[in-house]
C-alpha atoms as a PDB file:
ATOM      1  CA  MET A   1      21.724 -18.712  18.278  1.00  0.00           C
ATOM      2  CA  LYS A   2      18.944 -17.220  15.999  1.00  0.00           C
ATOM      3  CA  LYS A   3      18.332 -13.509  15.888  1.00  0.00           C
ATOM      4  CA  GLU A   4      14.680 -12.679  15.581  1.00  0.00           C
ATOM      5  CA  ILE A   5      13.947 -10.032  12.886  1.00  0.00           C
ATOM      6  CA  PRO A   6      11.326  -7.686  14.030  1.00  0.00           C
ATOM      7  CA  GLN A   7       8.426  -7.533  11.488  1.00  0.00           C
ATOM      8  CA  ASP A   8       6.999  -4.102  10.858  1.00  0.00           C
ATOM      9  CA  ILE A   9       4.422  -5.217   8.279  1.00  0.00           C
ATOM     10  CA  THR A  10       1.004  -5.124   9.904  1.00  0.00           C
ATOM     11  CA  PHE A  11      -2.337  -6.096   8.747  1.00  0.00           C
ATOM     12  CA  LYS A  12      -3.310  -2.509   8.038  1.00  0.00           C
ATOM     13  CA  SER A  13      -0.329  -2.137   5.734  1.00  0.00           C
ATOM     14  CA  TYR A  14      -1.344  -5.259   3.855  1.00  0.00           C
ATOM     15  CA  ILE A  15      -4.842  -3.935   3.279  1.00  0.00           C
ATOM     16  CA  ILE A  16      -3.475  -0.587   2.027  1.00  0.00           C
ATOM     17  CA  LEU A  17      -1.125  -2.527  -0.350  1.00  0.00           C
ATOM     18  CA  ILE A  18      -3.978  -4.728  -1.745  1.00  0.00           C
ATOM     19  CA  ILE A  19      -6.028  -1.381  -2.219  1.00  0.00           C
ATOM     20  CA  SER A  20      -3.069   0.140  -4.144  1.00  0.00           C
ATOM     21  CA  ILE A  21      -2.816  -3.099  -6.306  1.00  0.00           C
ATOM     22  CA  VAL A  22      -6.549  -2.714  -7.128  1.00  0.00           C
ATOM     23  CA  PHE A  23      -5.902   0.901  -8.122  1.00  0.00           C
ATOM     24  CA  LEU A  24      -3.053  -0.075 -10.247  1.00  0.00           C
ATOM     25  CA  ILE A  25      -4.891  -2.817 -12.137  1.00  0.00           C
ATOM     26  CA  SER A  26      -8.006  -0.589 -12.522  1.00  0.00           C
ATOM     27  CA  GLY A  27      -5.749   2.250 -13.762  1.00  0.00           C
ATOM     28  CA  TYR A  28      -4.207   0.075 -16.363  1.00  0.00           C
ATOM     29  CA  LEU A  29      -7.377  -1.360 -17.519  1.00  0.00           C
ATOM     30  CA  ILE A  30      -9.023   2.052 -17.954  1.00  0.00           C
ATOM     31  CA  MET A  31      -5.913   3.225 -19.891  1.00  0.00           C
ATOM     32  CA  SER A  32      -6.278   0.226 -22.221  1.00  0.00           C
ATOM     33  CA  PHE A  33      -9.894   1.317 -23.046  1.00  0.00           C
ATOM     34  CA  GLY A  34      -8.816   4.916 -23.752  1.00  0.00           C
ATOM     35  CA  ASP A  35      -9.644   7.163 -20.895  1.00  0.00           C
ATOM     36  CA  ARG A  36      -6.209   8.659 -19.920  1.00  0.00           C
ATOM     37  CA  THR A  37      -7.148  11.288 -17.399  1.00  0.00           C
ATOM     38  CA  VAL A  38      -8.968   8.846 -14.914  1.00  0.00           C
ATOM     39  CA  SER A  39      -6.201   6.278 -15.376  1.00  0.00           C
ATOM     40  CA  ILE A  40      -3.507   8.771 -14.704  1.00  0.00           C
ATOM     41  CA  ILE A  41      -5.208   9.782 -11.543  1.00  0.00           C
ATOM     42  CA  LEU A  42      -5.650   6.308 -10.258  1.00  0.00           C
ATOM     43  CA  LEU A  43      -2.007   5.385 -11.145  1.00  0.00           C
ATOM     44  CA  MET A  44      -0.697   8.544  -9.345  1.00  0.00           C
ATOM     45  CA  ILE A  45      -2.752   7.820  -6.230  1.00  0.00           C
ATOM     46  CA  ALA A  46      -1.415   4.202  -6.131  1.00  0.00           C
ATOM     47  CA  TYR A  47       2.242   5.001  -6.899  1.00  0.00           C
ATOM     48  CA  ILE A  48       2.604   8.210  -5.066  1.00  0.00           C
ATOM     49  CA  VAL A  49       0.203   7.899  -2.026  1.00  0.00           C
ATOM     50  CA  LEU A  50      -0.926   4.281  -1.271  1.00  0.00           C
ATOM     51  CA  ILE A  51       2.221   2.196  -1.815  1.00  0.00           C
ATOM     52  CA  PRO A  52       4.462   4.525   0.300  1.00  0.00           C
ATOM     53  CA  ILE A  53       1.922   4.723   3.050  1.00  0.00           C
ATOM     54  CA  SER A  54       1.606   0.995   3.115  1.00  0.00           C
ATOM     55  CA  LEU A  55       5.477   0.707   3.377  1.00  0.00           C
ATOM     56  CA  PHE A  56       5.837   3.354   6.191  1.00  0.00           C
ATOM     57  CA  ILE A  57       3.044   2.258   8.487  1.00  0.00           C
ATOM     58  CA  LYS A  58       4.498   0.998  11.871  1.00  0.00           C
ATOM     59  CA  ALA A  59       2.790  -1.261  14.236  1.00  0.00           C
ATOM     60  CA  LYS A  60       1.997   0.385  17.572  1.00  0.00           C
ATOM     61  CA  LYS A  61       4.305  -0.738  20.219  1.00  0.00           C
ATOM     62  CA  LYS A  62       2.753  -1.913  23.605  1.00  0.00           C
ATOM     63  CA  SER A  63       4.457  -0.597  26.686  1.00  0.00           C
ATOM     64  CA  LYS A  64       5.527  -3.082  29.325  1.00  0.00           C
ATOM     65  CA  HIS A  65       3.004  -1.838  31.842  1.00  0.00           C
ATOM     66  CA  GLU A  66      -0.110  -2.625  29.615  1.00  0.00           C
END
């Protein structure tokens, strides 16, 4: 008998993860051109804010009565 694993990854968390990847890529590209302050801000937003938010977002559970 197979056990079903509940999937907590939602479409919203994928979108936030893609946005954080865009922030990471742009941060490293800006860093390679020499502007460190903007790149550090973008990387900190991606690593400290966006990636944890995308991992901790849960899907809304529907009640049985709806």
